[in-house]
C-alpha atoms as a PDB file:
ATOM      1  CA  UNK A   1       0.070  -0.045  -0.042  1.00  0.00           C
ATOM      2  CA  UNK A   2       1.225   3.376  -1.045  1.00  0.00           C
ATOM      3  CA  UNK A   3       1.988   5.854   1.770  1.00  0.00           C
ATOM      4  CA  UNK A   4      -0.659   8.436   2.595  1.00  0.00           C
ATOM      5  CA  UNK A   5      -3.363   6.237   1.095  1.00  0.00           C
ATOM      6  CA  UNK A   6      -5.936   4.078   3.030  1.00  0.00           C
ATOM      7  CA  UNK A   7      -7.254   0.699   2.041  1.00  0.00           C
ATOM      8  CA  UNK A   8      -8.785   0.384  -1.426  1.00  0.00           C
ATOM      9  CA  UNK A   9     -12.508   0.400  -1.627  1.00  0.00           C
ATOM     10  CA  UNK A  10     -12.749  -3.103  -2.494  1.00  0.00           C
ATOM     11  CA  UNK A  11     -10.438  -4.216   0.414  1.00  0.00           C
ATOM     12  CA  UNK A  12     -12.917  -2.240   2.700  1.00  0.00           C
ATOM     13  CA  UNK A  13     -15.944  -3.890   1.220  1.00  0.00           C
ATOM     14  CA  UNK A  14     -14.212  -7.333   2.146  1.00  0.00           C
ATOM     15  CA  UNK A  15     -13.766  -6.176   5.580  1.00  0.00           C
ATOM     16  CA  UNK A  16     -17.583  -5.185   5.676  1.00  0.00           C
ATOM     17  CA  UNK A  17     -18.827  -8.455   4.319  1.00  0.00           C
ATOM     18  CA  UNK A  18     -16.471 -10.241   7.006  1.00  0.00           C
ATOM     19  CA  UNK A  19     -18.331  -8.236   9.857  1.00  0.00           C
ATOM     20  CA  UNK A  20     -21.800  -8.653   8.473  1.00  0.00           C
ATOM     21  CA  UNK A  21     -21.403 -12.464   8.005  1.00  0.00           C
ATOM     22  CA  UNK A  22     -20.941 -12.880  11.747  1.00  0.00           C
ATOM     23  CA  UNK A  23     -23.755 -10.515  12.864  1.00  0.00           C
ATOM     24  CA  UNK A  24     -26.075 -12.442  10.073  1.00  0.00           C
ATOM     25  CA  UNK A  25     -25.164 -15.749  11.519  1.00  0.00           C
ATOM     26  CA  UNK A  26     -26.122 -14.775  15.123  1.00  0.00           C
ATOM     27  CA  UNK A  27     -29.193 -13.123  13.817  1.00  0.00           C
ATOM     28  CA  UNK A  28     -30.310 -16.109  11.857  1.00  0.00           C
ATOM     29  CA  UNK A  29     -29.956 -18.407  14.939  1.00  0.00           C
ATOM     30  CA  UNK A  30     -31.845 -16.082  17.299  1.00  0.00           C
ATOM     31  CA  UNK A  31     -34.546 -15.675  14.696  1.00  0.00           C
ATOM     32  CA  UNK A  32     -35.021 -19.286  14.483  1.00  0.00           C
ATOM     33  CA  UNK A  33     -35.065 -19.688  18.291  1.00  0.00           C
ATOM     34  CA  UNK A  34     -37.820 -16.814  18.214  1.00  0.00           C
ATOM     35  CA  UNK A  35     -39.767 -18.796  15.695  1.00  0.00           C
ATOM     36  CA  UNK A  36     -39.311 -21.963  17.745  1.00  0.00           C
ATOM     37  CA  UNK A  37     -40.574 -20.444  20.879  1.00  0.00           C
ATOM     38  CA  UNK A  38     -43.927 -19.305  19.083  1.00  0.00           C
ATOM     39  CA  UNK A  39     -44.309 -22.739  17.606  1.00  0.00           C
ATOM     40  CA  UNK A  40     -43.687 -24.300  21.197  1.00  0.00           C
ATOM     41  CA  UNK A  41     -46.439 -21.931  22.280  1.00  0.00           C
ATOM     42  CA  UNK A  42     -48.773 -22.123  19.644  1.00  0.00           C
ATOM     43  CA  UNK A  43     -48.886 -25.848  19.220  1.00  0.00           C
ATOM     44  CA  UNK A  44     -47.655 -26.957  22.847  1.00  0.00           C
ATOM     45  CA  UNK A  45     -44.739 -28.957  21.505  1.00  0.00           C
ATOM     46  CA  UNK A  46     -42.094 -27.582  23.860  1.00  0.00           C
ATOM     47  CA  UNK A  47     -38.856 -27.824  23.245  1.00  0.00           C
ATOM     48  CA  UNK A  48     -39.197 -29.501  19.891  1.00  0.00           C
ATOM     49  CA  UNK A  49     -39.944 -25.900  18.140  1.00  0.00           C
ATOM     50  CA  UNK A  50     -37.062 -24.362  19.905  1.00  0.00           C
ATOM     51  CA  UNK A  51     -34.627 -26.995  18.705  1.00  0.00           C
ATOM     52  CA  UNK A  52     -35.929 -27.128  15.236  1.00  0.00           C
ATOM     53  CA  UNK A  53     -35.712 -23.401  14.907  1.00  0.00           C
ATOM     54  CA  UNK A  54     -32.118 -23.202  16.346  1.00  0.00           C
ATOM     55  CA  UNK A  55     -31.133 -25.853  13.814  1.00  0.00           C
ATOM     56  CA  UNK A  56     -32.712 -24.213  10.896  1.00  0.00           C
ATOM     57  CA  UNK A  57     -31.343 -20.871  11.812  1.00  0.00           C
ATOM     58  CA  UNK A  58     -28.025 -22.124  11.986  1.00  0.00           C
ATOM     59  CA  UNK A  59     -28.315 -23.842   8.684  1.00  0.00           C
ATOM     60  CA  UNK A  60     -29.422 -20.583   7.258  1.00  0.00           C
ATOM     61  CA  UNK A  61     -26.682 -18.724   8.793  1.00  0.00           C
ATOM     62  CA  UNK A  62     -24.112 -21.175   7.487  1.00  0.00           C
ATOM     63  CA  UNK A  63     -25.471 -21.039   3.890  1.00  0.00           C
ATOM     64  CA  UNK A  64     -25.287 -17.515   3.821  1.00  0.00           C
ATOM     65  CA  UNK A  65     -21.935 -17.353   5.334  1.00  0.00           C
ATOM     66  CA  UNK A  66     -20.528 -19.638   2.629  1.00  0.00           C
ATOM     67  CA  UNK A  67     -22.388 -17.554   0.011  1.00  0.00           C
ATOM     68  CA  UNK A  68     -20.878 -14.358   1.244  1.00  0.00           C
ATOM     69  CA  UNK A  69     -17.391 -15.949   1.514  1.00  0.00           C
ATOM     70  CA  UNK A  70     -17.403 -17.382  -2.061  1.00  0.00           C
ATOM     71  CA  UNK A  71     -18.684 -13.879  -3.349  1.00  0.00           C
ATOM     72  CA  UNK A  72     -15.396 -12.255  -1.700  1.00  0.00           C
ATOM     73  CA  UNK A  73     -13.328 -15.151  -3.089  1.00  0.00           C
ATOM     74  CA  UNK A  74     -14.619 -14.455  -6.617  1.00  0.00           C
ATOM     75  CA  UNK A  75     -13.763 -10.827  -6.258  1.00  0.00           C
ATOM     76  CA  UNK A  76     -10.298 -11.556  -5.246  1.00  0.00           C
ATOM     77  CA  UNK A  77      -9.582 -13.699  -7.923  1.00  0.00           C
ATOM     78  CA  UNK A  78     -10.839 -11.010 -10.715  1.00  0.00           C
ATOM     79  CA  UNK A  79      -8.178  -8.385  -9.055  1.00  0.00           C
ATOM     80  CA  UNK A  80      -5.239  -7.527 -11.146  1.00  0.00           C
END
């Protein structure tokens, strides 16, 4: 990196994606848990709804994390 210049816009974007991915992962699990709590109360299936919600939230978060990382990896390969 040249003196006096900050990180390139693409490099900053990569850091933003990395920061967002962790937040998204936690958010997906919490959303799954909340939906599971609602299902438990609605259908009286405690603790099955919470377990299913957390598992599905974790899967959704992992899929999104992999998608984001692949996107960054593709951009990295395209750089000169």
